[in-house]
Amino acid sequence: MGEITPALVRRLLTAAKRKQTESRLLALLGSAVDHASDLGDEEGLELAAAAIEAAHARNVAAPAAATLHYFHANAWASLRHLRHKDMAAVWTWESAEQEQEILSLRCALAHPPDPLAYRTTEDDLLAKTLRLLKMARSTLIYLSLAVHREERGKAQPETDKVHRSALRPMR
């Protein structure tokens, strides 16, 4: 995709205005919000929020609508962070950005969950995390063992090493 610039954000938003599949629309709008947020592009975030509102008017399916609401909340959260650098202003109760963010999150929760989405419990997540940690531990143990053997092999005098020529079958 190249370098991330405000022009790229505008191109993503322009592409999102054209007729797209829901998955492509979500990808374009999500990328636009993420890139504008990374760049600190206030205008790009405002345009992305407007494009997301326009996408809602297309009557997308419930799972996509919920995702659009999350993107909308992300755009408003980024705008809030950009506009209110002063720590005293961050905690004000009257903030249009914060209100929009909360409303978007509430709307996202109001949509029925995606029946095809994979759900996991905290216990499952903990068990899988522990399994991954055990695998990482084993990998480090075997790696250190291999390095130890390699170094021990290098430390042996040449006369003690078994040469490959000695392992070949005799004819």
N, C-alpha and C. Protein backbone atom coordinates (compact mmCIF):
# COMPACT_ATOMS: atom_id res chain seq x y z
N MET A 1 0.82 -1.17 0.00
CA MET A 1 0.00 0.00 0.00
C MET A 1 0.87 1.25 0.00
N GLY A 2 2.09 1.15 0.43
CA GLY A 2 2.99 2.27 0.42
C GLY A 2 2.97 3.04 1.73
N GLU A 3 3.48 4.27 1.65
CA GLU A 3 3.57 5.11 2.83
C GLU A 3 2.18 5.60 3.24
N ILE A 4 1.97 5.66 4.54
CA ILE A 4 0.68 6.11 5.05
C ILE A 4 0.71 7.64 5.13
N THR A 5 -0.17 8.26 4.37
CA THR A 5 -0.26 9.72 4.32
C THR A 5 -1.72 10.13 4.43
N PRO A 6 -1.98 11.41 4.69
CA PRO A 6 -3.38 11.87 4.68
C PRO A 6 -4.05 11.63 3.32
N ALA A 7 -3.27 11.70 2.24
CA ALA A 7 -3.84 11.44 0.91
C ALA A 7 -4.34 10.00 0.81
N LEU A 8 -3.62 9.06 1.42
CA LEU A 8 -4.06 7.66 1.42
C LEU A 8 -5.38 7.53 2.17
N VAL A 9 -5.50 8.23 3.29
CA VAL A 9 -6.75 8.20 4.06
C VAL A 9 -7.90 8.69 3.19
N ARG A 10 -7.68 9.79 2.44
CA ARG A 10 -8.73 10.34 1.57
C ARG A 10 -9.10 9.35 0.47
N ARG A 11 -8.08 8.65 -0.09
CA ARG A 11 -8.37 7.65 -1.14
C ARG A 11 -9.19 6.49 -0.59
N LEU A 12 -8.87 6.05 0.63
CA LEU A 12 -9.64 4.97 1.25
C LEU A 12 -11.09 5.40 1.46
N LEU A 13 -11.28 6.63 1.91
CA LEU A 13 -12.64 7.12 2.14
C LEU A 13 -13.40 7.32 0.85
N THR A 14 -12.71 7.75 -0.20
CA THR A 14 -13.35 7.90 -1.51
C THR A 14 -13.78 6.53 -2.04
N ALA A 15 -12.93 5.53 -1.86
CA ALA A 15 -13.27 4.18 -2.30
C ALA A 15 -14.45 3.63 -1.50
N ALA A 16 -14.53 3.99 -0.22
CA ALA A 16 -15.62 3.51 0.63
C ALA A 16 -16.96 4.10 0.21
N LYS A 17 -16.94 5.28 -0.44
CA LYS A 17 -18.19 5.90 -0.88
C LYS A 17 -18.80 5.17 -2.06
N ARG A 18 -17.95 4.49 -2.84
CA ARG A 18 -18.46 3.73 -3.98
C ARG A 18 -19.13 2.46 -3.47
N LYS A 19 -19.89 1.82 -4.34
CA LYS A 19 -20.58 0.59 -3.97
C LYS A 19 -19.54 -0.51 -3.71
N GLN A 20 -19.59 -1.06 -2.50
CA GLN A 20 -18.63 -2.08 -2.07
C GLN A 20 -19.38 -3.21 -1.37
N THR A 21 -18.75 -4.36 -1.29
CA THR A 21 -19.31 -5.41 -0.44
C THR A 21 -19.14 -4.96 1.01
N GLU A 22 -19.91 -5.56 1.90
CA GLU A 22 -19.81 -5.17 3.31
C GLU A 22 -18.41 -5.39 3.86
N SER A 23 -17.81 -6.53 3.54
CA SER A 23 -16.48 -6.82 4.08
C SER A 23 -15.45 -5.82 3.55
N ARG A 24 -15.54 -5.46 2.28
CA ARG A 24 -14.61 -4.49 1.69
C ARG A 24 -14.84 -3.11 2.30
N LEU A 25 -16.13 -2.75 2.49
CA LEU A 25 -16.47 -1.47 3.10
C LEU A 25 -15.88 -1.37 4.51
N LEU A 26 -16.04 -2.44 5.28
CA LEU A 26 -15.48 -2.46 6.64
C LEU A 26 -13.96 -2.33 6.61
N ALA A 27 -13.33 -3.03 5.68
CA ALA A 27 -11.87 -2.97 5.58
C ALA A 27 -11.40 -1.56 5.24
N LEU A 28 -12.08 -0.91 4.29
CA LEU A 28 -11.69 0.44 3.89
C LEU A 28 -11.89 1.44 5.03
N LEU A 29 -13.06 1.39 5.66
CA LEU A 29 -13.34 2.35 6.73
C LEU A 29 -12.47 2.10 7.96
N GLY A 30 -12.26 0.84 8.30
CA GLY A 30 -11.38 0.53 9.43
C GLY A 30 -9.96 0.99 9.19
N SER A 31 -9.45 0.77 7.98
CA SER A 31 -8.10 1.23 7.64
C SER A 31 -8.02 2.74 7.67
N ALA A 32 -9.06 3.41 7.16
CA ALA A 32 -9.05 4.87 7.14
C ALA A 32 -9.00 5.43 8.57
N VAL A 33 -9.81 4.88 9.47
CA VAL A 33 -9.81 5.35 10.86
C VAL A 33 -8.45 5.08 11.50
N ASP A 34 -7.92 3.88 11.31
CA ASP A 34 -6.62 3.53 11.91
C ASP A 34 -5.50 4.43 11.40
N HIS A 35 -5.45 4.63 10.08
CA HIS A 35 -4.38 5.44 9.50
C HIS A 35 -4.50 6.90 9.92
N ALA A 36 -5.72 7.43 9.89
CA ALA A 36 -5.92 8.83 10.29
C ALA A 36 -5.54 9.00 11.76
N SER A 37 -5.87 8.02 12.57
CA SER A 37 -5.53 8.08 13.99
C SER A 37 -4.01 8.03 14.17
N ASP A 38 -3.35 7.13 13.45
CA ASP A 38 -1.89 7.02 13.55
C ASP A 38 -1.19 8.30 13.11
N LEU A 39 -1.76 8.96 12.09
CA LEU A 39 -1.17 10.20 11.58
C LEU A 39 -1.51 11.42 12.43
N GLY A 40 -2.52 11.28 13.28
CA GLY A 40 -2.99 12.44 14.02
C GLY A 40 -3.73 13.40 13.11
N ASP A 41 -4.40 12.85 12.10
CA ASP A 41 -5.08 13.61 11.07
C ASP A 41 -6.53 13.89 11.51
N GLU A 42 -6.73 15.06 12.12
CA GLU A 42 -8.05 15.40 12.66
C GLU A 42 -9.10 15.48 11.55
N GLU A 43 -8.75 16.10 10.43
CA GLU A 43 -9.70 16.21 9.33
C GLU A 43 -10.04 14.84 8.76
N GLY A 44 -9.04 13.97 8.65
CA GLY A 44 -9.28 12.62 8.16
C GLY A 44 -10.21 11.84 9.08
N LEU A 45 -10.06 12.03 10.38
CA LEU A 45 -10.94 11.36 11.34
C LEU A 45 -12.37 11.88 11.23
N GLU A 46 -12.51 13.19 11.04
CA GLU A 46 -13.85 13.75 10.86
C GLU A 46 -14.50 13.22 9.59
N LEU A 47 -13.72 13.14 8.51
CA LEU A 47 -14.24 12.59 7.25
C LEU A 47 -14.60 11.12 7.41
N ALA A 48 -13.77 10.38 8.16
CA ALA A 48 -14.05 8.96 8.39
C ALA A 48 -15.34 8.79 9.19
N ALA A 49 -15.53 9.62 10.21
CA ALA A 49 -16.76 9.55 11.01
C ALA A 49 -17.98 9.82 10.13
N ALA A 50 -17.86 10.81 9.24
CA ALA A 50 -18.96 11.12 8.32
C ALA A 50 -19.21 9.96 7.35
N ALA A 51 -18.13 9.34 6.86
CA ALA A 51 -18.28 8.21 5.94
C ALA A 51 -18.92 7.01 6.64
N ILE A 52 -18.60 6.83 7.90
CA ILE A 52 -19.21 5.73 8.66
C ILE A 52 -20.69 5.98 8.85
N GLU A 53 -21.06 7.23 9.13
CA GLU A 53 -22.48 7.57 9.26
C GLU A 53 -23.21 7.33 7.94
N ALA A 54 -22.55 7.66 6.81
CA ALA A 54 -23.15 7.42 5.50
C ALA A 54 -23.28 5.93 5.23
N ALA A 55 -22.32 5.14 5.70
CA ALA A 55 -22.38 3.69 5.51
C ALA A 55 -23.55 3.08 6.28
N HIS A 56 -23.86 3.66 7.44
CA HIS A 56 -25.02 3.18 8.20
C HIS A 56 -26.31 3.38 7.43
N ALA A 57 -26.36 4.41 6.61
CA ALA A 57 -27.56 4.69 5.83
C ALA A 57 -27.79 3.63 4.74
N ARG A 58 -26.78 2.85 4.45
CA ARG A 58 -26.91 1.80 3.42
C ARG A 58 -27.64 0.56 3.94
N ASN A 59 -28.02 0.56 5.19
CA ASN A 59 -28.72 -0.58 5.80
C ASN A 59 -27.89 -1.86 5.72
N VAL A 60 -26.73 -1.82 6.34
CA VAL A 60 -25.87 -3.00 6.38
C VAL A 60 -26.41 -4.00 7.40
N ALA A 61 -25.96 -5.23 7.30
CA ALA A 61 -26.40 -6.29 8.22
C ALA A 61 -25.94 -5.98 9.64
N ALA A 62 -26.60 -6.61 10.61
CA ALA A 62 -26.35 -6.31 12.03
C ALA A 62 -24.89 -6.46 12.44
N PRO A 63 -24.21 -7.57 12.09
CA PRO A 63 -22.80 -7.67 12.51
C PRO A 63 -21.93 -6.55 11.93
N ALA A 64 -22.17 -6.20 10.66
CA ALA A 64 -21.40 -5.13 10.03
C ALA A 64 -21.76 -3.78 10.66
N ALA A 65 -23.03 -3.61 11.00
CA ALA A 65 -23.45 -2.35 11.63
C ALA A 65 -22.79 -2.19 12.99
N ALA A 66 -22.69 -3.27 13.74
CA ALA A 66 -22.02 -3.20 15.04
C ALA A 66 -20.55 -2.83 14.86
N THR A 67 -19.90 -3.42 13.87
CA THR A 67 -18.50 -3.11 13.59
C THR A 67 -18.35 -1.65 13.18
N LEU A 68 -19.29 -1.15 12.37
CA LEU A 68 -19.25 0.27 11.99
C LEU A 68 -19.36 1.17 13.21
N HIS A 69 -20.21 0.78 14.16
CA HIS A 69 -20.34 1.57 15.39
C HIS A 69 -19.02 1.58 16.17
N TYR A 70 -18.33 0.44 16.21
CA TYR A 70 -17.03 0.39 16.89
C TYR A 70 -16.02 1.29 16.17
N PHE A 71 -16.01 1.27 14.83
CA PHE A 71 -15.13 2.15 14.08
C PHE A 71 -15.45 3.62 14.37
N HIS A 72 -16.75 3.92 14.45
CA HIS A 72 -17.19 5.29 14.74
C HIS A 72 -16.69 5.71 16.12
N ALA A 73 -16.81 4.81 17.09
CA ALA A 73 -16.32 5.10 18.44
C ALA A 73 -14.81 5.31 18.43
N ASN A 74 -14.08 4.50 17.67
CA ASN A 74 -12.62 4.68 17.58
C ASN A 74 -12.27 6.04 16.98
N ALA A 75 -13.01 6.44 15.95
CA ALA A 75 -12.74 7.74 15.33
C ALA A 75 -12.97 8.86 16.35
N TRP A 76 -14.06 8.79 17.09
CA TRP A 76 -14.34 9.83 18.08
C TRP A 76 -13.35 9.81 19.24
N ALA A 77 -12.91 8.63 19.63
CA ALA A 77 -11.91 8.54 20.70
C ALA A 77 -10.60 9.18 20.25
N SER A 78 -10.22 8.93 19.00
CA SER A 78 -8.99 9.53 18.48
C SER A 78 -9.12 11.04 18.37
N LEU A 79 -10.30 11.50 17.94
CA LEU A 79 -10.53 12.94 17.88
C LEU A 79 -10.44 13.57 19.27
N ARG A 80 -10.99 12.88 20.26
CA ARG A 80 -10.93 13.38 21.63
C ARG A 80 -9.48 13.52 22.09
N HIS A 81 -8.67 12.51 21.78
CA HIS A 81 -7.26 12.55 22.18
C HIS A 81 -6.50 13.66 21.45
N LEU A 82 -6.85 13.89 20.19
CA LEU A 82 -6.18 14.94 19.43
C LEU A 82 -6.58 16.34 19.88
N ARG A 83 -7.85 16.50 20.19
CA ARG A 83 -8.36 17.83 20.52
C ARG A 83 -8.10 18.25 21.96
N HIS A 84 -7.97 17.31 22.84
CA HIS A 84 -7.85 17.63 24.26
C HIS A 84 -6.51 17.13 24.80
N LYS A 85 -5.46 17.83 24.46
CA LYS A 85 -4.13 17.47 24.96
C LYS A 85 -3.95 17.86 26.42
N ASP A 86 -4.68 18.89 26.85
CA ASP A 86 -4.60 19.37 28.22
C ASP A 86 -5.26 18.34 29.15
N MET A 87 -4.55 17.91 30.16
CA MET A 87 -5.09 16.89 31.07
C MET A 87 -6.35 17.36 31.79
N ALA A 88 -6.47 18.65 32.06
CA ALA A 88 -7.67 19.15 32.73
C ALA A 88 -8.88 19.04 31.80
N ALA A 89 -8.67 19.19 30.50
CA ALA A 89 -9.78 19.12 29.55
C ALA A 89 -10.20 17.69 29.26
N VAL A 90 -9.31 16.75 29.48
CA VAL A 90 -9.63 15.35 29.20
C VAL A 90 -10.77 14.86 30.09
N TRP A 91 -10.83 15.36 31.31
CA TRP A 91 -11.81 14.85 32.26
C TRP A 91 -13.06 15.72 32.37
N THR A 92 -13.26 16.61 31.44
CA THR A 92 -14.48 17.40 31.48
C THR A 92 -15.66 16.52 31.11
N TRP A 93 -16.80 16.81 31.73
CA TRP A 93 -17.98 16.00 31.46
C TRP A 93 -18.67 16.41 30.18
N GLU A 94 -18.49 17.63 29.76
CA GLU A 94 -19.13 18.12 28.55
C GLU A 94 -18.15 18.06 27.39
N SER A 95 -18.12 16.93 26.74
CA SER A 95 -17.21 16.74 25.61
C SER A 95 -18.01 16.06 24.49
N ALA A 96 -18.14 16.76 23.37
CA ALA A 96 -18.91 16.21 22.26
C ALA A 96 -18.29 14.91 21.74
N GLU A 97 -16.95 14.86 21.73
CA GLU A 97 -16.28 13.66 21.24
C GLU A 97 -16.56 12.47 22.15
N GLN A 98 -16.51 12.73 23.46
CA GLN A 98 -16.76 11.65 24.41
C GLN A 98 -18.20 11.17 24.33
N GLU A 99 -19.13 12.10 24.16
CA GLU A 99 -20.53 11.72 24.02
C GLU A 99 -20.74 10.85 22.79
N GLN A 100 -20.14 11.26 21.66
CA GLN A 100 -20.28 10.48 20.44
C GLN A 100 -19.66 9.10 20.58
N GLU A 101 -18.51 9.05 21.23
CA GLU A 101 -17.85 7.76 21.45
C GLU A 101 -18.74 6.82 22.28
N ILE A 102 -19.30 7.34 23.35
CA ILE A 102 -20.16 6.52 24.22
C ILE A 102 -21.42 6.09 23.48
N LEU A 103 -22.02 7.02 22.74
CA LEU A 103 -23.23 6.66 21.98
C LEU A 103 -22.94 5.58 20.94
N SER A 104 -21.79 5.70 20.28
CA SER A 104 -21.43 4.69 19.27
C SER A 104 -21.22 3.32 19.91
N LEU A 105 -20.58 3.31 21.07
CA LEU A 105 -20.37 2.03 21.76
C LEU A 105 -21.69 1.44 22.24
N ARG A 106 -22.59 2.28 22.72
CA ARG A 106 -23.91 1.81 23.15
C ARG A 106 -24.69 1.24 21.97
N CYS A 107 -24.60 1.89 20.82
CA CYS A 107 -25.28 1.39 19.62
C CYS A 107 -24.69 0.06 19.17
N ALA A 108 -23.39 -0.07 19.29
CA ALA A 108 -22.74 -1.33 18.91
C ALA A 108 -23.23 -2.47 19.79
N LEU A 109 -23.39 -2.20 21.08
CA LEU A 109 -23.86 -3.23 22.00
C LEU A 109 -25.32 -3.58 21.77
N ALA A 110 -26.07 -2.66 21.19
CA ALA A 110 -27.49 -2.90 20.96
C ALA A 110 -27.73 -3.89 19.83
N HIS A 111 -26.76 -4.06 18.95
CA HIS A 111 -26.92 -5.00 17.84
C HIS A 111 -26.77 -6.43 18.34
N PRO A 112 -27.53 -7.36 17.76
CA PRO A 112 -27.36 -8.76 18.17
C PRO A 112 -25.98 -9.25 17.77
N PRO A 113 -25.40 -10.13 18.57
CA PRO A 113 -24.05 -10.62 18.24
C PRO A 113 -24.06 -11.46 16.98
N ASP A 114 -22.93 -11.51 16.34
CA ASP A 114 -22.77 -12.31 15.13
C ASP A 114 -22.81 -13.78 15.51
N PRO A 115 -23.75 -14.56 14.97
CA PRO A 115 -23.83 -15.98 15.34
C PRO A 115 -22.63 -16.78 14.85
N LEU A 116 -21.91 -16.27 13.87
CA LEU A 116 -20.75 -17.00 13.35
C LEU A 116 -19.45 -16.61 14.06
N ALA A 117 -19.52 -15.60 14.92
CA ALA A 117 -18.31 -15.16 15.61
C ALA A 117 -17.88 -16.21 16.62
N TYR A 118 -16.58 -16.39 16.72
CA TYR A 118 -16.03 -17.35 17.66
C TYR A 118 -15.97 -16.70 19.03
N ARG A 119 -16.54 -17.34 20.00
CA ARG A 119 -16.52 -16.80 21.36
C ARG A 119 -15.68 -17.70 22.24
N THR A 120 -14.97 -17.07 23.12
CA THR A 120 -14.14 -17.82 24.05
C THR A 120 -14.33 -17.25 25.45
N THR A 121 -14.23 -18.11 26.41
CA THR A 121 -14.38 -17.67 27.79
C THR A 121 -13.00 -17.29 28.33
N GLU A 122 -13.00 -16.65 29.48
CA GLU A 122 -11.74 -16.25 30.09
C GLU A 122 -10.92 -17.49 30.47
N ASP A 123 -11.61 -18.55 30.89
CA ASP A 123 -10.91 -19.79 31.25
C ASP A 123 -10.24 -20.42 30.03
N ASP A 124 -10.95 -20.42 28.88
CA ASP A 124 -10.36 -20.96 27.66
C ASP A 124 -9.14 -20.14 27.26
N LEU A 125 -9.27 -18.83 27.35
CA LEU A 125 -8.17 -17.95 26.99
C LEU A 125 -6.97 -18.18 27.90
N LEU A 126 -7.22 -18.34 29.18
CA LEU A 126 -6.15 -18.60 30.14
C LEU A 126 -5.47 -19.94 29.84
N ALA A 127 -6.27 -20.98 29.55
CA ALA A 127 -5.70 -22.29 29.25
C ALA A 127 -4.85 -22.25 27.99
N LYS A 128 -5.33 -21.55 26.96
CA LYS A 128 -4.56 -21.46 25.72
C LYS A 128 -3.29 -20.64 25.91
N THR A 129 -3.36 -19.60 26.72
CA THR A 129 -2.18 -18.80 27.01
C THR A 129 -1.13 -19.63 27.74
N LEU A 130 -1.57 -20.40 28.73
CA LEU A 130 -0.62 -21.25 29.46
C LEU A 130 0.00 -22.30 28.55
N ARG A 131 -0.79 -22.87 27.64
CA ARG A 131 -0.26 -23.85 26.70
C ARG A 131 0.80 -23.21 25.80
N LEU A 132 0.54 -21.98 25.34
CA LEU A 132 1.53 -21.28 24.52
C LEU A 132 2.80 -20.97 25.30
N LEU A 133 2.63 -20.58 26.57
CA LEU A 133 3.81 -20.32 27.40
C LEU A 133 4.63 -21.58 27.61
N LYS A 134 3.97 -22.72 27.82
CA LYS A 134 4.70 -23.98 27.98
C LYS A 134 5.45 -24.33 26.70
N MET A 135 4.80 -24.11 25.55
CA MET A 135 5.47 -24.40 24.28
C MET A 135 6.68 -23.48 24.09
N ALA A 136 6.54 -22.21 24.45
CA ALA A 136 7.65 -21.27 24.32
C ALA A 136 8.78 -21.68 25.25
N ARG A 137 8.44 -22.12 26.46
CA ARG A 137 9.46 -22.58 27.42
C ARG A 137 10.21 -23.79 26.87
N SER A 138 9.47 -24.74 26.33
CA SER A 138 10.10 -25.93 25.75
C SER A 138 11.00 -25.56 24.59
N THR A 139 10.55 -24.64 23.77
CA THR A 139 11.35 -24.21 22.63
C THR A 139 12.67 -23.60 23.10
N LEU A 140 12.61 -22.77 24.12
CA LEU A 140 13.84 -22.15 24.64
C LEU A 140 14.77 -23.20 25.25
N ILE A 141 14.21 -24.19 25.94
CA ILE A 141 15.04 -25.25 26.53
C ILE A 141 15.75 -26.03 25.43
N TYR A 142 14.99 -26.43 24.37
CA TYR A 142 15.60 -27.20 23.29
C TYR A 142 16.60 -26.36 22.51
N LEU A 143 16.33 -25.08 22.36
CA LEU A 143 17.27 -24.20 21.66
C LEU A 143 18.56 -24.08 22.45
N SER A 144 18.47 -23.89 23.76
CA SER A 144 19.68 -23.77 24.57
C SER A 144 20.45 -25.08 24.57
N LEU A 145 19.75 -26.20 24.56
CA LEU A 145 20.41 -27.51 24.49
C LEU A 145 21.16 -27.66 23.16
N ALA A 146 20.53 -27.24 22.06
CA ALA A 146 21.17 -27.34 20.76
C ALA A 146 22.40 -26.43 20.68
N VAL A 147 22.29 -25.23 21.23
CA VAL A 147 23.44 -24.32 21.24
C VAL A 147 24.56 -24.90 22.09
N HIS A 148 24.21 -25.48 23.24
CA HIS A 148 25.21 -26.08 24.11
C HIS A 148 25.95 -27.21 23.39
N ARG A 149 25.21 -28.08 22.70
CA ARG A 149 25.85 -29.18 21.98
C ARG A 149 26.74 -28.67 20.85
N GLU A 150 26.28 -27.65 20.16
CA GLU A 150 27.06 -27.08 19.08
C GLU A 150 28.36 -26.49 19.62
N GLU A 151 28.29 -25.77 20.71
CA GLU A 151 29.49 -25.17 21.29
C GLU A 151 30.43 -26.24 21.85
N ARG A 152 29.85 -27.27 22.43
CA ARG A 152 30.67 -28.36 22.96
C ARG A 152 31.37 -29.08 21.81
N GLY A 153 30.68 -29.21 20.68
CA GLY A 153 31.28 -29.85 19.51
C GLY A 153 32.41 -29.03 18.93
N LYS A 154 32.29 -27.73 18.98
CA LYS A 154 33.35 -26.85 18.48
C LYS A 154 34.57 -26.87 19.40
N ALA A 155 34.33 -27.12 20.68
CA ALA A 155 35.42 -27.11 21.66
C ALA A 155 36.26 -28.39 21.59
N GLN A 156 35.73 -29.47 21.02
CA GLN A 156 36.48 -30.73 20.94
C GLN A 156 37.62 -30.59 19.95
N PRO A 157 38.76 -31.23 20.24
CA PRO A 157 39.85 -31.23 19.25
C PRO A 157 39.42 -31.99 17.99
N GLU A 158 40.02 -31.66 16.87
CA GLU A 158 39.67 -32.28 15.60
C GLU A 158 39.84 -33.79 15.61
N THR A 159 40.79 -34.29 16.36
CA THR A 159 41.05 -35.73 16.38
C THR A 159 39.93 -36.50 17.08
N ASP A 160 39.23 -35.86 18.01
CA ASP A 160 38.15 -36.53 18.73
C ASP A 160 36.84 -36.56 17.95
N LYS A 161 36.72 -35.74 16.93
CA LYS A 161 35.47 -35.67 16.18
C LYS A 161 35.37 -36.83 15.21
N VAL A 162 34.18 -37.27 14.99
CA VAL A 162 33.92 -38.32 14.01
C VAL A 162 33.67 -37.64 12.68
N HIS A 163 34.48 -38.02 11.68
CA HIS A 163 34.32 -37.41 10.37
C HIS A 163 33.29 -38.16 9.57
N ARG A 164 32.63 -37.44 8.68
CA ARG A 164 31.60 -38.05 7.85
C ARG A 164 32.18 -39.17 6.98
N SER A 165 33.42 -39.00 6.59
CA SER A 165 34.03 -40.03 5.74
C SER A 165 34.13 -41.36 6.49
N ALA A 166 34.23 -41.29 7.81
CA ALA A 166 34.31 -42.52 8.59
C ALA A 166 32.95 -43.20 8.69
N LEU A 167 31.89 -42.47 8.45
CA LEU A 167 30.54 -43.03 8.56
C LEU A 167 30.05 -43.65 7.27
N ARG A 168 30.76 -43.44 6.17
CA ARG A 168 30.32 -44.00 4.89
C ARG A 168 30.56 -45.51 4.87
N PRO A 169 29.63 -46.25 4.29
CA PRO A 169 29.84 -47.73 4.23
C PRO A 169 31.00 -48.06 3.31
N MET A 170 31.70 -49.10 3.68
CA MET A 170 32.85 -49.53 2.88
C MET A 170 32.34 -50.38 1.72
N ARG A 171 33.03 -50.31 0.60
CA ARG A 171 32.62 -51.09 -0.56
C ARG A 171 33.51 -52.26 -0.78
